[in-house]
Amino acid sequence: MPRTIACLLTALFTFLAGVSLHSTHSVVVEWLRGEADDQLLIEPLAFEDQASEIPLRIGIFIGVDAVTFSSDNSKFNLFDDYRSRETPILISSEELSEIVHQLMGAGLLKEPTCTPSFISLPVNHTIIVAWPNAVRAFTWIRGDECRVPEKYLTVFEEVNSRHHVPLLEKFITSNRL
């Protein structure tokens, strides 16, 4: 009898944990799909303005792990507890501008975010570009049908051929089939 009660309690606990996990998952997915809080949103510049602005830095994130390319060796420092997991890479302003303009030419500023219909363990793949007056983030929540488009991976592959950054290689390979 005690064994039966223990099995029933385990089944009940498992059921309640699954329901609460599903509810949490639904809330997180809706939050990620929703509009950003107006206080946190930096108004993006028009495409023409961003095309003429010299970018400050570009970050490539896989969850909390990141590599940031900048001309002053700065980082985004998005995650206070994981600052050591963001690696700054020093590059020239010209090379930084070239990378950003290639991404923009491929359509990055018009890119919608991609969230798969089912997420078991979400892994965010994010590209963040910072200009003096604007910051734009583009996020894909990794799933079978949701990957960073090949046109951006090609740009990063060229960058990685010059800088050999392991995280960038992981970003590229994990988004290819």
Protein backbone atom coordinates (compact mmCIF):
# COMPACT_ATOMS: atom_id res chain seq x y z
CA MET A 1 0.00 0.00 0.00
CA PRO A 2 2.72 2.61 0.83
CA ARG A 3 4.39 1.79 -2.48
CA THR A 4 1.15 2.49 -4.37
CA ILE A 5 0.74 5.82 -2.60
CA ALA A 6 4.34 6.73 -3.40
CA CYS A 7 3.77 5.90 -7.08
CA LEU A 8 0.58 7.97 -7.16
CA LEU A 9 2.30 10.92 -5.49
CA THR A 10 5.20 10.66 -7.95
CA ALA A 11 2.76 10.59 -10.88
CA LEU A 12 0.86 13.58 -9.47
CA PHE A 13 4.08 15.53 -8.93
CA THR A 14 5.27 14.70 -12.46
CA PHE A 15 1.94 15.81 -13.92
CA LEU A 16 1.94 19.10 -11.99
CA ALA A 17 5.58 19.77 -12.90
CA GLY A 18 4.79 19.16 -16.58
CA VAL A 19 1.78 21.47 -16.52
CA SER A 20 3.72 24.24 -14.80
CA LEU A 21 6.65 23.81 -17.21
CA HIS A 22 4.26 24.05 -20.17
CA SER A 23 2.68 27.19 -18.73
CA THR A 24 6.08 28.77 -18.15
CA HIS A 25 7.16 27.82 -21.66
CA SER A 26 4.03 29.43 -23.15
CA VAL A 27 4.57 32.65 -21.18
CA VAL A 28 8.24 32.86 -22.20
CA VAL A 29 7.47 32.24 -25.89
CA GLU A 30 4.72 34.88 -25.89
CA TRP A 31 7.01 37.32 -24.07
CA LEU A 32 9.77 36.76 -26.64
CA ARG A 33 7.31 37.22 -29.51
CA GLY A 34 5.73 40.31 -27.96
CA GLU A 35 6.72 43.93 -28.20
CA ALA A 36 9.62 45.17 -26.10
CA ASP A 37 8.94 47.42 -23.15
CA ASP A 38 8.95 51.04 -24.34
CA GLN A 39 11.42 51.99 -21.62
CA LEU A 40 13.94 49.46 -22.91
CA LEU A 41 13.40 50.03 -26.61
CA ILE A 42 15.90 52.25 -28.35
CA GLU A 43 14.22 53.74 -31.38
CA PRO A 44 15.96 52.35 -34.47
CA LEU A 45 17.25 54.71 -37.10
CA ALA A 46 15.94 54.57 -40.62
CA PHE A 47 17.86 52.24 -42.92
CA GLU A 48 19.46 55.19 -44.70
CA ASP A 49 20.67 56.69 -41.40
CA GLN A 50 22.13 53.40 -40.23
CA ALA A 51 23.82 52.86 -43.58
CA SER A 52 25.74 56.12 -43.16
CA GLU A 53 26.54 55.65 -39.44
CA ILE A 54 29.76 53.92 -38.45
CA PRO A 55 28.86 50.93 -36.25
CA LEU A 56 30.32 50.72 -32.75
CA ARG A 57 30.23 46.94 -32.38
CA ILE A 58 28.53 43.75 -33.47
CA GLY A 59 27.84 40.86 -31.12
CA ILE A 60 27.10 37.24 -31.92
CA PHE A 61 25.41 35.42 -29.03
CA ILE A 62 24.58 31.79 -28.40
CA GLY A 63 22.63 32.07 -25.18
CA VAL A 64 24.97 33.86 -22.76
CA ASP A 65 28.14 32.98 -24.69
CA ALA A 66 29.21 35.73 -27.07
CA VAL A 67 31.87 37.20 -29.25
CA THR A 68 31.82 40.96 -29.86
CA PHE A 69 33.68 42.62 -32.69
CA SER A 70 34.51 46.27 -32.02
CA SER A 71 37.13 48.85 -32.90
CA ASP A 72 37.65 49.80 -29.24
CA ASN A 73 37.63 46.26 -27.71
CA SER A 74 34.32 46.93 -25.92
CA LYS A 75 31.65 44.35 -25.07
CA PHE A 76 27.85 44.43 -24.74
CA ASN A 77 27.86 42.98 -21.17
CA LEU A 78 24.23 41.90 -21.46
CA PHE A 79 24.40 39.29 -18.71
CA ASP A 80 25.91 40.52 -15.44
CA ASP A 81 26.60 37.02 -14.12
CA TYR A 82 28.23 35.88 -17.38
CA ARG A 83 30.43 38.82 -18.39
CA SER A 84 33.45 36.53 -18.63
CA ARG A 85 31.68 34.48 -21.32
CA GLU A 86 31.69 37.37 -23.81
CA THR A 87 34.93 37.62 -25.76
CA PRO A 88 35.85 40.96 -27.33
CA ILE A 89 37.68 40.89 -30.66
CA LEU A 90 39.49 44.04 -31.74
CA ILE A 91 39.04 44.91 -35.42
CA SER A 92 39.36 48.09 -37.44
CA SER A 93 36.43 50.48 -37.91
CA GLU A 94 36.60 49.79 -41.65
CA GLU A 95 36.29 46.04 -41.20
CA LEU A 96 33.47 46.47 -38.70
CA SER A 97 31.61 48.75 -41.14
CA GLU A 98 32.19 46.25 -43.94
CA ILE A 99 30.70 43.37 -41.90
CA VAL A 100 27.65 45.39 -40.87
CA HIS A 101 27.06 46.67 -44.41
CA GLN A 102 27.26 43.12 -45.79
CA LEU A 103 24.68 41.98 -43.22
CA MET A 104 22.47 44.98 -43.99
CA GLY A 105 22.82 44.34 -47.72
CA ALA A 106 21.65 40.76 -47.10
CA GLY A 107 18.51 42.14 -45.42
CA LEU A 108 19.33 41.97 -41.72
CA LEU A 109 17.40 45.15 -40.83
CA LYS A 110 14.22 43.70 -42.32
CA GLU A 111 14.65 40.26 -40.74
CA PRO A 112 11.81 39.00 -38.54
CA THR A 113 12.67 37.00 -35.45
CA CYS A 114 12.04 33.29 -35.64
CA THR A 115 10.52 31.22 -32.86
CA PRO A 116 9.75 27.55 -33.55
CA SER A 117 6.35 26.15 -32.69
CA PHE A 118 7.81 23.83 -30.03
CA ILE A 119 10.81 24.56 -27.84
CA SER A 120 12.17 21.92 -25.49
CA LEU A 121 15.26 23.75 -24.26
CA PRO A 122 15.46 27.17 -25.90
CA VAL A 123 18.78 28.29 -27.30
CA ASN A 124 18.84 31.88 -28.50
CA HIS A 125 21.04 32.78 -31.43
CA THR A 126 21.30 36.56 -31.54
CA ILE A 127 23.06 39.15 -33.65
CA ILE A 128 23.29 42.62 -32.07
CA VAL A 129 24.51 45.68 -33.94
CA ALA A 130 25.22 48.93 -32.06
CA TRP A 131 25.54 52.35 -33.68
CA PRO A 132 26.14 55.61 -31.78
CA ASN A 133 22.38 56.32 -31.57
CA ALA A 134 20.76 52.90 -31.94
CA VAL A 135 21.01 49.24 -31.04
CA ARG A 136 19.28 46.51 -33.02
CA ALA A 137 19.02 42.89 -31.91
CA PHE A 138 17.95 40.02 -34.15
CA THR A 139 17.12 36.76 -32.38
CA TRP A 140 16.34 33.27 -33.57
CA ILE A 141 15.20 30.74 -30.97
CA ARG A 142 16.76 27.60 -32.29
CA GLY A 143 14.51 24.84 -33.52
CA ASP A 144 14.39 22.50 -36.50
CA GLU A 145 12.49 25.02 -38.62
CA CYS A 146 14.13 28.11 -37.15
CA ARG A 147 17.76 28.82 -37.94
CA VAL A 148 19.83 31.89 -38.72
CA PRO A 149 19.52 32.32 -42.52
CA GLU A 150 22.39 31.13 -44.69
CA LYS A 151 22.94 34.60 -46.16
CA TYR A 152 24.16 35.83 -42.74
CA LEU A 153 26.14 32.68 -42.02
CA THR A 154 28.08 33.24 -45.24
CA VAL A 155 29.09 36.72 -44.05
CA PHE A 156 30.20 35.33 -40.68
CA GLU A 157 32.05 32.48 -42.35
CA GLU A 158 34.15 35.03 -44.23
CA VAL A 159 34.79 36.93 -40.97
CA ASN A 160 35.76 33.70 -39.22
CA SER A 161 38.23 32.83 -41.97
CA ARG A 162 40.18 35.95 -40.92
CA HIS A 163 39.75 35.76 -37.12
CA HIS A 164 39.27 32.04 -36.26
CA VAL A 165 36.83 32.45 -33.36
CA PRO A 166 35.54 29.10 -31.97
CA LEU A 167 32.18 30.55 -30.85
CA LEU A 168 31.57 32.02 -34.29
CA GLU A 169 32.36 28.63 -35.82
CA LYS A 170 29.84 27.05 -33.42
CA PHE A 171 27.26 29.73 -34.38
CA ILE A 172 27.72 28.88 -38.05
CA THR A 173 27.74 25.08 -37.78
CA SER A 174 24.82 24.85 -35.35
CA ASN A 175 22.64 26.84 -37.76
CA ARG A 176 23.43 24.67 -40.76
CA LEU A 177 21.77 21.33 -41.34
